[in-house]
Protein backbone atom coordinates (compact mmCIF):
# COMPACT_ATOMS: atom_id res chain seq x y z
CA UNK A 1 0.21 -0.28 0.27
CA UNK A 2 1.71 3.46 -1.41
CA UNK A 3 0.90 5.94 2.38
CA UNK A 4 0.31 8.94 1.54
CA UNK A 5 0.83 10.55 4.66
CA UNK A 6 4.12 9.49 5.15
CA UNK A 7 5.82 11.08 2.11
CA UNK A 8 5.89 14.59 2.45
CA UNK A 9 4.04 14.46 6.10
CA UNK A 10 6.97 16.39 8.39
CA UNK A 11 8.66 18.08 5.09
CA UNK A 12 7.85 22.25 5.01
CA UNK A 13 10.04 24.66 3.95
CA UNK A 14 10.89 27.28 6.39
CA UNK A 15 11.20 30.64 6.20
CA UNK A 16 12.34 33.56 8.61
CA UNK A 17 10.69 36.58 8.29
CA UNK A 18 12.06 40.19 8.62
CA UNK A 19 10.56 40.01 12.24
CA UNK A 20 12.54 37.29 13.30
CA UNK A 21 9.32 34.40 13.09
CA UNK A 22 9.83 31.71 11.62
CA UNK A 23 7.24 29.68 9.58
CA UNK A 24 7.00 26.27 7.85
CA UNK A 25 5.37 25.95 4.86
CA UNK A 26 3.71 22.98 3.68
CA UNK A 27 4.13 21.72 -0.26
CA UNK A 28 1.94 24.25 -2.50
CA UNK A 29 -1.12 23.07 -4.12
CA UNK A 30 -1.76 22.56 -7.59
CA UNK A 31 -3.96 26.08 -7.90
CA UNK A 32 -0.70 27.83 -7.03
CA UNK A 33 1.58 26.18 -9.27
CA UNK A 34 -0.64 27.10 -12.01
CA UNK A 35 -0.68 30.45 -11.04
CA UNK A 36 2.92 30.27 -11.06
CA UNK A 37 3.01 28.79 -14.59
CA UNK A 38 0.50 31.46 -15.90
CA UNK A 39 2.56 34.20 -14.21
CA UNK A 40 5.55 32.95 -16.02
CA UNK A 41 3.80 33.77 -19.51
CA UNK A 42 3.30 37.33 -18.56
CA UNK A 43 6.60 38.27 -17.21
CA UNK A 44 8.42 40.13 -20.19
CA UNK A 45 5.03 41.96 -21.06
CA UNK A 46 5.63 45.69 -19.98
CA UNK A 47 2.21 46.71 -20.38
CA UNK A 48 0.93 43.92 -17.90
CA UNK A 49 3.52 44.81 -15.02
CA UNK A 50 1.30 45.94 -12.62
CA UNK A 51 -1.37 42.84 -13.28
CA UNK A 52 1.80 40.71 -13.26
CA UNK A 53 3.46 41.90 -9.76
CA UNK A 54 -0.53 42.33 -7.70
CA UNK A 55 -0.75 38.41 -8.52
CA UNK A 56 2.57 37.65 -7.27
CA UNK A 57 2.21 39.27 -4.76
CA UNK A 58 -1.10 37.24 -4.24
CA UNK A 59 1.16 34.09 -4.85
CA UNK A 60 3.18 34.84 -2.22
CA UNK A 61 0.11 35.58 0.39
CA UNK A 62 -1.22 32.01 -0.72
CA UNK A 63 2.05 30.08 -0.04
CA UNK A 64 3.01 32.20 3.00
CA UNK A 65 -0.56 31.09 3.86
CA UNK A 66 0.43 27.48 3.55
CA UNK A 67 2.03 27.62 6.93
CA UNK A 68 1.82 24.87 9.23
CA UNK A 69 2.08 27.36 11.97
CA UNK A 70 -1.82 28.38 11.56
CA UNK A 71 -0.95 32.04 11.05
CA UNK A 72 -3.00 34.25 8.91
CA UNK A 73 -1.03 36.61 6.84
CA UNK A 74 -3.16 39.29 4.59
CA UNK A 75 -2.16 40.68 1.41
CA UNK A 76 -2.13 44.05 2.83
CA UNK A 77 -0.17 43.16 5.70
CA UNK A 78 2.50 41.55 3.31
CA UNK A 79 2.43 44.23 0.66
CA UNK A 80 3.46 46.67 3.50
CA UNK A 81 6.35 44.07 4.66
CA UNK A 82 7.67 42.85 1.88
CA UNK A 83 8.35 43.87 -1.95
CA UNK A 84 7.98 42.53 -5.23
CA UNK A 85 11.99 40.93 -5.47
CA UNK A 86 11.12 39.38 -1.97
CA UNK A 87 8.02 37.51 -2.86
CA UNK A 88 10.17 36.68 -6.22
CA UNK A 89 12.64 35.12 -4.06
CA UNK A 90 10.56 33.38 -1.95
CA UNK A 91 8.52 31.94 -4.61
CA UNK A 92 11.32 30.72 -6.73
CA UNK A 93 13.10 29.53 -3.86
CA UNK A 94 10.25 27.55 -2.36
CA UNK A 95 9.72 25.88 -5.62
CA UNK A 96 13.25 24.81 -6.21
CA UNK A 97 12.85 23.03 -2.77
CA UNK A 98 9.45 21.00 -3.38
CA UNK A 99 10.66 20.35 -6.83
CA UNK A 100 13.81 18.98 -5.92
CA UNK A 101 11.32 16.84 -3.03
CA UNK A 102 9.38 15.35 -6.08
CA UNK A 103 12.65 14.34 -8.03
CA UNK A 104 14.25 13.09 -4.74
CA UNK A 105 10.81 10.80 -4.06
CA UNK A 106 9.29 9.94 -7.62
CA UNK A 107 11.34 7.69 -9.74
CA UNK A 108 9.53 6.61 -12.55
CA UNK A 109 12.24 3.93 -13.79
């Protein structure tokens, strides 16, 4: 039997926020992954820069709210404390972390 409860049960991506709080982020949902793919399509379109930035911050908040610590972040709170460069850094590293976890645990050979 494949026990899905054990594959990622204790795995988290950990982030220390500017205020020193450490949060533990669970793996991304399919919806979050799809949003990132959609955003990548618009990254180099200058006429959509404001839309992309807003959508990127929204994804950042959704990722932060995937925390195992039951802390709830609002878009307003995050936009007040973090800029788009921090959001992009966290999003990129978060997905790199989880992509490696999948690669390490799934082998189709």
